[in-house]
Every structure is written in C-alpha cells, then in structure tokens.
N, C-alpha and C. Protein backbone atom coordinates (compact mmCIF):
# COMPACT_ATOMS: atom_id res chain seq x y z
N MET A 1 -173.36 -23.73 135.99
CA MET A 1 -172.95 -25.19 135.98
C MET A 1 -171.55 -24.47 135.37
N SER A 2 -170.35 -24.75 136.25
CA SER A 2 -169.27 -24.27 135.57
C SER A 2 -168.73 -25.30 134.02
N LEU A 3 -167.17 -24.67 133.76
CA LEU A 3 -167.17 -25.72 132.68
C LEU A 3 -166.58 -26.93 132.93
N THR A 4 -165.43 -26.94 134.17
CA THR A 4 -165.90 -28.30 135.08
C THR A 4 -166.50 -29.05 134.91
N THR A 5 -167.62 -28.60 135.42
CA THR A 5 -168.80 -29.45 135.82
C THR A 5 -169.15 -30.14 134.63
N ILE A 6 -169.97 -29.08 133.56
CA ILE A 6 -169.83 -29.68 131.98
C ILE A 6 -169.15 -30.54 131.52
N ARG A 7 -167.55 -30.61 132.05
CA ARG A 7 -166.78 -31.47 131.44
C ARG A 7 -167.01 -33.10 132.26
N THR A 8 -167.02 -32.93 133.50
CA THR A 8 -167.49 -34.15 134.39
C THR A 8 -168.26 -34.83 133.99
N LYS A 9 -169.98 -34.09 133.65
CA LYS A 9 -170.91 -34.54 133.21
C LYS A 9 -170.92 -35.42 132.14
N ILE A 10 -170.16 -34.67 131.18
CA ILE A 10 -169.93 -35.40 129.50
C ILE A 10 -169.42 -36.55 129.73
N LYS A 11 -168.49 -37.04 130.50
CA LYS A 11 -167.34 -37.87 131.03
C LYS A 11 -168.25 -39.15 131.47
N GLU A 12 -169.12 -38.39 132.47
CA GLU A 12 -170.11 -39.62 132.95
C GLU A 12 -171.39 -40.16 132.45
N TYR A 13 -171.92 -39.15 131.02
CA TYR A 13 -172.47 -39.48 129.78
C TYR A 13 -171.79 -40.71 129.47
N ILE A 14 -170.90 -40.42 129.02
CA ILE A 14 -169.89 -41.07 127.91
C ILE A 14 -169.47 -42.30 128.99
N GLU A 15 -168.96 -42.59 130.12
CA GLU A 15 -168.97 -43.73 130.84
C GLU A 15 -170.39 -44.50 131.16
N THR A 16 -171.25 -44.21 131.10
CA THR A 16 -172.88 -44.76 131.57
C THR A 16 -173.01 -45.88 130.23
N ALA A 17 -172.91 -44.81 128.93
CA ALA A 17 -173.06 -45.69 127.55
C ALA A 17 -172.23 -46.39 127.18
N THR A 18 -171.07 -46.12 127.69
CA THR A 18 -170.29 -47.38 127.03
C THR A 18 -169.63 -48.49 128.31
N GLY A 19 -170.04 -48.59 129.44
CA GLY A 19 -169.66 -49.48 130.37
C GLY A 19 -167.96 -49.76 131.09
N LEU A 20 -167.55 -48.07 130.29
CA LEU A 20 -166.13 -48.29 130.71
C LEU A 20 -165.97 -47.56 131.55
N ASN A 21 -164.56 -48.10 132.89
CA ASN A 21 -164.52 -47.80 134.10
C ASN A 21 -163.24 -46.70 134.40
N ASN A 22 -161.99 -47.09 133.14
CA ASN A 22 -160.66 -46.64 133.74
C ASN A 22 -160.30 -45.83 132.15
N THR A 23 -161.08 -45.94 131.15
CA THR A 23 -160.53 -45.01 129.75
C THR A 23 -161.58 -44.39 129.29
N VAL A 24 -162.52 -43.65 129.90
CA VAL A 24 -162.96 -42.06 129.55
C VAL A 24 -162.15 -40.43 130.24
N TYR A 25 -161.85 -40.09 129.88
CA TYR A 25 -161.14 -38.77 130.22
C TYR A 25 -161.83 -37.52 129.92
N ASP A 26 -161.94 -36.68 130.85
CA ASP A 26 -162.54 -35.41 130.67
C ASP A 26 -161.56 -34.33 129.82
N TYR A 27 -160.56 -34.78 129.49
CA TYR A 27 -159.57 -33.87 128.40
C TYR A 27 -158.70 -34.66 127.55
N LYS A 28 -158.14 -34.23 126.36
CA LYS A 28 -157.76 -34.72 125.39
C LYS A 28 -156.48 -35.60 125.62
N ARG A 29 -156.60 -37.08 125.67
CA ARG A 29 -155.19 -37.62 125.79
C ARG A 29 -154.45 -37.55 124.38
N LEU A 30 -153.43 -37.82 124.89
CA LEU A 30 -152.33 -37.72 123.49
C LEU A 30 -150.90 -38.39 124.25
N ALA A 31 -150.35 -39.54 122.89
CA ALA A 31 -149.72 -40.43 123.12
C ALA A 31 -148.70 -39.67 122.62
N THR A 32 -147.42 -38.82 122.97
CA THR A 32 -146.51 -38.27 122.60
C THR A 32 -145.28 -39.21 121.90
N HIS A 33 -145.51 -40.23 122.56
CA HIS A 33 -144.30 -41.38 121.94
C HIS A 33 -145.16 -42.72 121.69
N LEU A 34 -144.74 -43.46 120.60
CA LEU A 34 -145.50 -44.87 120.42
C LEU A 34 -145.30 -45.74 121.57
N SER A 35 -144.14 -45.29 122.26
CA SER A 35 -143.84 -46.60 123.08
C SER A 35 -144.83 -45.86 124.31
N GLN A 36 -145.23 -45.23 125.03
CA GLN A 36 -145.71 -44.45 125.67
C GLN A 36 -147.21 -45.91 125.94
N LYS A 37 -147.66 -45.79 127.20
CA LYS A 37 -148.09 -46.97 127.87
C LYS A 37 -149.88 -47.12 127.35
N ILE A 38 -149.39 -47.95 126.22
CA ILE A 38 -150.57 -48.24 125.51
C ILE A 38 -151.68 -48.82 126.68
N ASP A 39 -151.35 -49.43 127.50
CA ASP A 39 -152.55 -49.87 128.66
C ASP A 39 -153.05 -48.65 129.03
N THR A 40 -153.21 -47.09 128.94
CA THR A 40 -153.89 -46.03 128.99
C THR A 40 -154.85 -45.87 128.80
N PHE A 41 -155.01 -47.08 127.40
CA PHE A 41 -155.93 -46.59 126.62
C PHE A 41 -156.90 -47.93 126.40
N LYS A 42 -156.67 -48.80 126.76
CA LYS A 42 -156.92 -50.26 126.94
C LYS A 42 -157.84 -50.57 127.94
N GLU A 43 -159.29 -51.16 127.88
CA GLU A 43 -160.16 -51.94 128.72
C GLU A 43 -160.79 -52.83 128.03
N ASN A 44 -160.53 -54.06 129.19
CA ASN A 44 -161.25 -55.37 129.18
C ASN A 44 -160.42 -56.09 127.84
N GLY A 45 -158.65 -55.42 127.61
CA GLY A 45 -157.81 -56.31 126.64
C GLY A 45 -157.92 -55.62 125.66
N ILE A 46 -158.76 -54.51 125.18
CA ILE A 46 -158.47 -54.04 123.88
C ILE A 46 -158.49 -52.23 124.01
N ILE A 47 -158.06 -51.99 122.55
CA ILE A 47 -158.08 -50.51 123.08
C ILE A 47 -159.34 -49.93 122.90
N HIS A 48 -159.92 -49.33 123.81
CA HIS A 48 -161.38 -48.40 123.94
C HIS A 48 -161.13 -47.52 125.04
N THR A 49 -161.18 -46.53 124.19
CA THR A 49 -161.00 -45.15 125.29
C THR A 49 -162.09 -44.00 124.39
N TRP A 50 -162.46 -43.05 125.23
CA TRP A 50 -162.90 -41.58 125.16
C TRP A 50 -162.39 -40.81 125.37
N ASP A 51 -162.26 -39.58 124.93
CA ASP A 51 -161.33 -38.33 125.76
C ASP A 51 -162.75 -37.16 125.15
N VAL A 52 -162.64 -36.15 125.55
CA VAL A 52 -163.33 -34.83 125.42
C VAL A 52 -162.65 -33.19 125.46
N THR A 53 -162.90 -32.73 124.79
CA THR A 53 -161.86 -31.63 124.56
C THR A 53 -163.01 -30.72 124.06
N ARG A 54 -162.86 -29.22 124.84
CA ARG A 54 -163.60 -27.70 124.78
C ARG A 54 -162.39 -27.20 123.16
N ALA A 55 -163.00 -27.20 121.91
CA ALA A 55 -162.86 -27.05 120.79
C ALA A 55 -162.91 -25.55 120.58
N GLY A 56 -164.00 -25.01 120.98
CA GLY A 56 -163.81 -23.41 120.99
C GLY A 56 -165.03 -22.88 121.74
N PHE A 57 -165.54 -22.29 122.00
CA PHE A 57 -166.69 -21.11 122.54
C PHE A 57 -167.08 -19.67 122.19
N LYS A 58 -168.10 -19.68 122.56
CA LYS A 58 -168.79 -18.27 121.89
C LYS A 58 -169.47 -17.37 123.42
N ARG A 59 -168.98 -16.32 123.97
CA ARG A 59 -169.63 -15.51 125.12
C ARG A 59 -170.31 -14.56 124.42
N GLU A 60 -171.54 -14.89 124.87
CA GLU A 60 -172.85 -13.51 124.71
C GLU A 60 -173.39 -12.51 125.81
N HIS A 61 -172.72 -11.39 125.76
CA HIS A 61 -173.39 -10.49 126.89
C HIS A 61 -174.63 -10.33 126.64
N GLN A 62 -175.88 -10.17 127.50
CA GLN A 62 -177.00 -10.14 127.05
C GLN A 62 -177.15 -8.90 127.72
N ALA A 63 -177.65 -7.28 126.78
CA ALA A 63 -178.08 -6.42 127.49
C ALA A 63 -179.16 -6.41 128.20
N GLY A 64 -179.28 -5.71 129.44
CA GLY A 64 -180.62 -5.50 130.19
C GLY A 64 -180.81 -7.31 130.79
N HIS A 65 -180.46 -7.67 131.32
CA HIS A 65 -180.39 -9.04 131.87
C HIS A 65 -180.10 -9.13 132.94
N GLY A 66 -179.01 -7.90 133.79
CA GLY A 66 -178.52 -7.70 135.10
C GLY A 66 -177.28 -8.51 135.15
N GLY A 67 -176.34 -8.39 133.92
CA GLY A 67 -175.27 -9.44 134.14
C GLY A 67 -175.36 -10.76 133.72
N VAL A 68 -175.89 -11.20 132.31
CA VAL A 68 -175.91 -12.18 132.42
C VAL A 68 -175.24 -12.55 130.92
N VAL A 69 -174.24 -13.83 130.64
CA VAL A 69 -173.35 -14.40 130.02
C VAL A 69 -173.88 -15.44 129.14
N ILE A 70 -174.08 -15.57 128.03
CA ILE A 70 -174.36 -17.04 127.62
C ILE A 70 -173.38 -17.44 126.69
N ILE A 71 -172.59 -18.36 127.60
CA ILE A 71 -171.28 -19.25 126.67
C ILE A 71 -172.19 -20.43 125.88
N THR A 72 -171.56 -20.86 124.77
CA THR A 72 -171.91 -21.50 124.04
C THR A 72 -170.25 -22.28 123.84
N HIS A 73 -170.49 -23.66 124.44
CA HIS A 73 -169.12 -24.13 124.47
C HIS A 73 -169.28 -25.81 122.96
N GLU A 74 -167.98 -25.77 122.58
CA GLU A 74 -168.05 -26.33 121.25
C GLU A 74 -167.15 -27.63 122.27
N PHE A 75 -167.88 -28.81 122.19
CA PHE A 75 -167.12 -29.95 122.67
C PHE A 75 -166.53 -30.70 121.34
N LEU A 76 -165.49 -31.60 121.15
CA LEU A 76 -165.27 -32.68 120.54
C LEU A 76 -164.95 -33.78 121.61
N LEU A 77 -166.03 -35.33 121.31
CA LEU A 77 -165.78 -35.95 121.97
C LEU A 77 -165.22 -37.43 121.38
N ARG A 78 -163.74 -37.79 121.49
CA ARG A 78 -163.50 -38.96 120.09
C ARG A 78 -163.47 -40.28 121.15
N GLY A 79 -163.66 -41.21 120.35
CA GLY A 79 -163.59 -42.53 120.73
C GLY A 79 -163.29 -43.21 119.78
N PHE A 80 -162.33 -44.30 120.40
CA PHE A 80 -161.28 -45.57 119.66
C PHE A 80 -161.71 -46.68 120.14
N TYR A 81 -161.53 -47.95 118.89
CA TYR A 81 -162.32 -48.74 119.31
C TYR A 81 -161.25 -49.57 118.72
N GLY A 82 -160.45 -50.58 119.43
CA GLY A 82 -159.49 -51.64 118.33
C GLY A 82 -160.56 -52.22 117.15
N LEU A 83 -159.61 -52.26 116.27
CA LEU A 83 -160.47 -53.03 114.99
C LEU A 83 -160.29 -54.37 115.10
N ASN A 84 -161.67 -55.32 115.07
CA ASN A 84 -160.97 -56.71 114.92
C ASN A 84 -162.37 -57.21 114.09
N ASP A 85 -161.58 -57.04 112.45
CA ASP A 85 -162.65 -57.94 111.61
C ASP A 85 -163.41 -58.90 111.74
N THR A 86 -162.74 -59.75 112.57
CA THR A 86 -163.26 -61.50 112.66
C THR A 86 -164.28 -61.01 113.29
N LEU A 87 -164.57 -60.52 114.63
CA LEU A 87 -165.71 -59.99 115.27
C LEU A 87 -166.59 -58.72 115.16
N ALA A 88 -166.70 -58.48 113.92
CA ALA A 88 -167.59 -57.49 113.44
C ALA A 88 -166.98 -56.19 114.71
N SER A 89 -166.21 -55.48 115.00
CA SER A 89 -165.76 -54.54 115.65
C SER A 89 -166.51 -53.21 115.50
N GLU A 90 -167.00 -53.34 113.99
CA GLU A 90 -167.24 -52.13 113.46
C GLU A 90 -168.60 -52.02 113.83
N LYS A 91 -169.62 -53.36 114.06
CA LYS A 91 -170.57 -52.98 114.55
C LYS A 91 -170.74 -52.81 116.03
N THR A 92 -170.12 -53.21 116.35
CA THR A 92 -169.88 -52.86 117.84
C THR A 92 -169.72 -51.86 118.39
N PHE A 93 -168.81 -50.98 117.59
CA PHE A 93 -168.64 -49.60 117.91
C PHE A 93 -169.55 -48.78 117.38
N ASN A 94 -170.36 -49.03 116.23
CA ASN A 94 -171.36 -48.34 115.79
C ASN A 94 -172.31 -47.93 117.14
N ASP A 95 -172.97 -49.62 117.28
CA ASP A 95 -173.88 -49.51 118.52
C ASP A 95 -173.15 -48.86 119.71
N THR A 96 -171.91 -48.79 120.34
CA THR A 96 -171.48 -47.99 121.12
C THR A 96 -171.67 -46.47 120.84
N ILE A 97 -171.55 -46.30 119.49
CA ILE A 97 -171.36 -44.41 119.16
C ILE A 97 -173.00 -44.18 119.60
N ASP A 98 -174.16 -44.91 119.17
CA ASP A 98 -175.35 -44.70 119.15
C ASP A 98 -175.86 -44.71 120.50
N SER A 99 -175.58 -45.78 121.63
CA SER A 99 -175.47 -45.29 123.08
C SER A 99 -175.10 -43.90 123.50
N VAL A 100 -174.24 -43.53 123.28
CA VAL A 100 -173.22 -42.47 123.54
C VAL A 100 -174.12 -41.21 123.24
N CYS A 101 -174.64 -41.34 121.87
CA CYS A 101 -175.51 -39.84 121.53
C CYS A 101 -176.82 -40.27 122.12
N GLU A 102 -177.23 -41.14 122.54
CA GLU A 102 -178.63 -41.44 123.01
C GLU A 102 -178.40 -40.62 124.81
N GLN A 103 -177.42 -40.72 125.13
CA GLN A 103 -177.37 -40.47 126.42
C GLN A 103 -177.54 -38.65 126.39
N PHE A 104 -176.97 -37.99 125.87
CA PHE A 104 -177.35 -36.71 125.44
C PHE A 104 -178.63 -36.36 124.95
N GLU A 105 -179.16 -37.12 124.27
CA GLU A 105 -180.51 -36.95 123.82
C GLU A 105 -181.82 -36.80 124.79
N ASP A 106 -181.23 -38.05 125.64
CA ASP A 106 -181.95 -38.57 126.76
C ASP A 106 -181.70 -37.13 127.88
N ASN A 107 -180.97 -36.82 127.94
CA ASN A 107 -180.59 -35.84 129.34
C ASN A 107 -179.82 -34.56 128.73
N PRO A 108 -180.92 -33.49 127.61
CA PRO A 108 -180.06 -32.49 127.35
C PRO A 108 -179.97 -31.39 127.80
N THR A 109 -180.10 -31.17 128.86
CA THR A 109 -179.60 -30.03 130.33
C THR A 109 -178.29 -30.56 130.94
N LEU A 110 -178.09 -31.60 130.96
CA LEU A 110 -176.82 -32.38 131.51
C LEU A 110 -176.95 -32.36 133.11
N ALA A 111 -178.44 -32.42 133.07
CA ALA A 111 -178.68 -32.66 135.12
C ALA A 111 -179.03 -31.41 135.54
N GLY A 112 -179.06 -29.92 134.87
CA GLY A 112 -178.44 -29.19 135.43
C GLY A 112 -179.04 -27.94 134.68
N GLU A 113 -178.01 -27.02 134.71
CA GLU A 113 -178.38 -25.22 133.83
C GLU A 113 -178.17 -25.51 132.76
N ALA A 114 -177.07 -26.51 132.26
CA ALA A 114 -176.57 -26.50 131.22
C ALA A 114 -177.60 -26.99 130.11
N GLN A 115 -177.47 -26.75 128.58
CA GLN A 115 -178.31 -27.77 127.86
C GLN A 115 -177.76 -27.71 126.61
N ILE A 116 -177.61 -28.73 126.04
CA ILE A 116 -177.52 -29.15 124.74
C ILE A 116 -177.98 -28.24 123.52
N VAL A 117 -177.26 -27.14 122.84
CA VAL A 117 -178.28 -26.20 122.01
C VAL A 117 -178.77 -26.64 120.85
N GLU A 118 -177.99 -27.41 120.05
CA GLU A 118 -178.06 -28.18 118.60
C GLU A 118 -178.56 -29.52 119.15
N PRO A 119 -180.10 -29.74 118.39
CA PRO A 119 -180.46 -30.94 118.66
C PRO A 119 -179.95 -32.22 117.72
N LEU A 120 -179.37 -31.93 116.82
CA LEU A 120 -178.21 -32.37 115.85
C LEU A 120 -177.02 -32.67 116.22
N ILE A 121 -176.91 -34.04 116.46
CA ILE A 121 -175.54 -34.38 117.29
C ILE A 121 -174.84 -34.68 116.10
N SER A 122 -173.24 -34.92 115.85
CA SER A 122 -173.33 -35.23 114.30
C SER A 122 -171.90 -35.79 114.56
N GLY A 123 -171.32 -36.83 114.18
CA GLY A 123 -170.04 -37.21 114.22
C GLY A 123 -169.41 -37.87 112.66
N LEU A 124 -168.51 -38.26 113.03
CA LEU A 124 -167.49 -38.67 111.60
C LEU A 124 -166.96 -39.72 111.95
N VAL A 125 -166.94 -40.85 111.61
CA VAL A 125 -166.58 -42.15 111.80
C VAL A 125 -165.45 -42.96 111.07
N THR A 126 -164.14 -42.91 111.01
CA THR A 126 -163.26 -43.31 110.17
C THR A 126 -161.95 -44.40 110.84
N GLU A 127 -161.39 -44.67 110.50
CA GLU A 127 -160.37 -45.93 110.95
C GLU A 127 -158.70 -45.15 110.91
N GLU A 128 -158.40 -45.00 111.74
CA GLU A 128 -156.72 -44.71 111.90
C GLU A 128 -155.78 -45.34 113.14
N PHE A 129 -154.73 -45.22 112.90
CA PHE A 129 -153.69 -45.80 113.48
C PHE A 129 -153.93 -45.05 115.09
N PHE A 130 -153.99 -45.57 116.17
CA PHE A 130 -153.77 -44.90 116.96
C PHE A 130 -153.11 -45.93 118.49
N VAL A 131 -152.08 -45.18 118.94
CA VAL A 131 -150.73 -45.82 119.74
C VAL A 131 -150.26 -46.74 119.20
N GLY A 132 -150.11 -47.21 117.77
CA GLY A 132 -149.92 -47.95 116.99
C GLY A 132 -150.57 -49.07 116.60
N VAL A 133 -151.94 -49.02 116.85
CA VAL A 133 -153.07 -50.14 116.64
C VAL A 133 -153.98 -49.47 115.64
N LEU A 134 -154.76 -50.53 115.06
CA LEU A 134 -155.39 -49.92 114.27
C LEU A 134 -156.76 -49.94 114.10
N CYS A 135 -157.13 -48.73 114.78
CA CYS A 135 -158.79 -48.92 115.13
C CYS A 135 -159.89 -47.56 114.47
N HIS A 136 -160.82 -48.12 115.20
CA HIS A 136 -162.50 -47.55 114.54
C HIS A 136 -162.01 -46.07 115.38
N LYS A 137 -162.58 -45.06 114.64
CA LYS A 137 -162.23 -43.50 115.49
C LYS A 137 -163.93 -42.71 115.46
N ILE A 138 -164.12 -42.29 116.43
CA ILE A 138 -165.68 -41.31 116.30
C ILE A 138 -165.09 -40.07 116.69
N GLN A 139 -165.54 -38.94 116.05
CA GLN A 139 -165.66 -38.04 116.69
C GLN A 139 -166.77 -37.26 116.67
N ILE A 140 -167.32 -36.82 117.88
CA ILE A 140 -168.25 -36.35 117.86
C ILE A 140 -168.40 -34.97 118.42
N THR A 141 -169.21 -33.62 117.44
CA THR A 141 -169.12 -32.56 118.21
C THR A 141 -170.72 -32.12 118.60
N LEU A 142 -170.53 -31.75 119.65
CA LEU A 142 -171.58 -31.15 120.97
C LEU A 142 -171.43 -29.87 121.19
N PHE A 143 -172.41 -29.01 121.26
CA PHE A 143 -172.70 -27.57 121.19
C PHE A 143 -173.21 -27.82 122.70
N VAL A 144 -172.84 -27.31 123.67
CA VAL A 144 -173.21 -27.12 124.84
C VAL A 144 -173.66 -25.50 125.70
N GLN A 145 -175.06 -25.22 126.02
CA GLN A 145 -174.87 -23.49 126.46
C GLN A 145 -174.98 -23.66 127.61
N GLN A 146 -174.00 -22.69 128.41
CA GLN A 146 -174.24 -22.51 129.90
C GLN A 146 -174.58 -20.58 129.76
N ARG A 147 -175.70 -20.43 131.12
CA ARG A 147 -175.75 -19.09 131.67
C ARG A 147 -175.35 -19.04 132.48
N ARG A 148 -174.35 -17.50 132.70
CA ARG A 148 -174.30 -17.09 133.81
C ARG A 148 -174.18 -15.96 134.36
N VAL A 149 -174.50 -15.72 135.61
CA VAL A 149 -175.22 -14.76 135.96
C VAL A 149 -173.73 -14.19 136.68
N PHE A 150 -173.53 -12.30 136.17
CA PHE A 150 -172.34 -12.26 137.31
C PHE A 150 -172.85 -10.34 138.00
N ASN A 151 -172.13 -10.33 138.94
CA ASN A 151 -172.35 -8.52 139.29
C ASN A 151 -172.29 -7.69 138.60
C-alpha cells in the first residue's frame, strides 16, 4: 500500500465517521488570507472540516528479509467545528471525534497491508480561530506502518 493509498483510506474513514462529503481533505489545508473562501471549510452551513498531513516518518531496512523496508508514518488529523455555545457544539464535536477514532480502532489494517502500530490514538482538543471563526479543534496523532518489498 503506497503513501497515497494510505492517505486516501484515512480520508475515507474520516468521511464515514463524520458524514461529511465535501470538506475532508487528504492534505493540510491552509488559508493564506482571511478573505480566502471560508466556504471551502463549510458544510451544512457551518465550519466543519478535517485534513490529514504526514508530520514525519521512519524507514527501517530489515536485513536478511530479501529487501524489506518497514515505513512508519506519523499522521496528524486535524478537525475544526464552528463553536456554538447555545447548541452545545462542544458535545457534538466530541461525539464526532469519538466516531473518527472508532473507525481506526475497528479497521486497524486500513483494509490492506498497512496497520496502525500504536493502539493508543491520542489527541488534543482546543478552541481557536480558524478563517476568522471561533472553532473547536482536534489534532489526532496516528502512526501507520507500511511494509515495502523491493528488489
């Protein structure tokens, strides 16, 4: 399974868990100007978006295994959800976070040769301004291992 395939699978799992169709990205989305399209990050009339980025990796060559490299990717999954105190958005977003984590717990091999190598999926929940809107934010760290055989 390639890095591209792993990213795509992570994106699919987030889409399934959140029910989002248009605002989950398999790369880190950044707004360079506050005036940049806020609609890029909105679905159903509110800011609700997720993105995936590879923050690091480690490549280990396995001697005596006929050309095997074990690649451990460190992914950061970021989610943003428009804060609305009246609607208790913090509770809604935390339920969504749990659904995302459960997708990876229920599918630890990413439906292929890759596997989640840290059973502990950790995250940090905060609030911050995102494209000028106060949002709940989650950043989840996920380690995925890929086995590559080469000649």
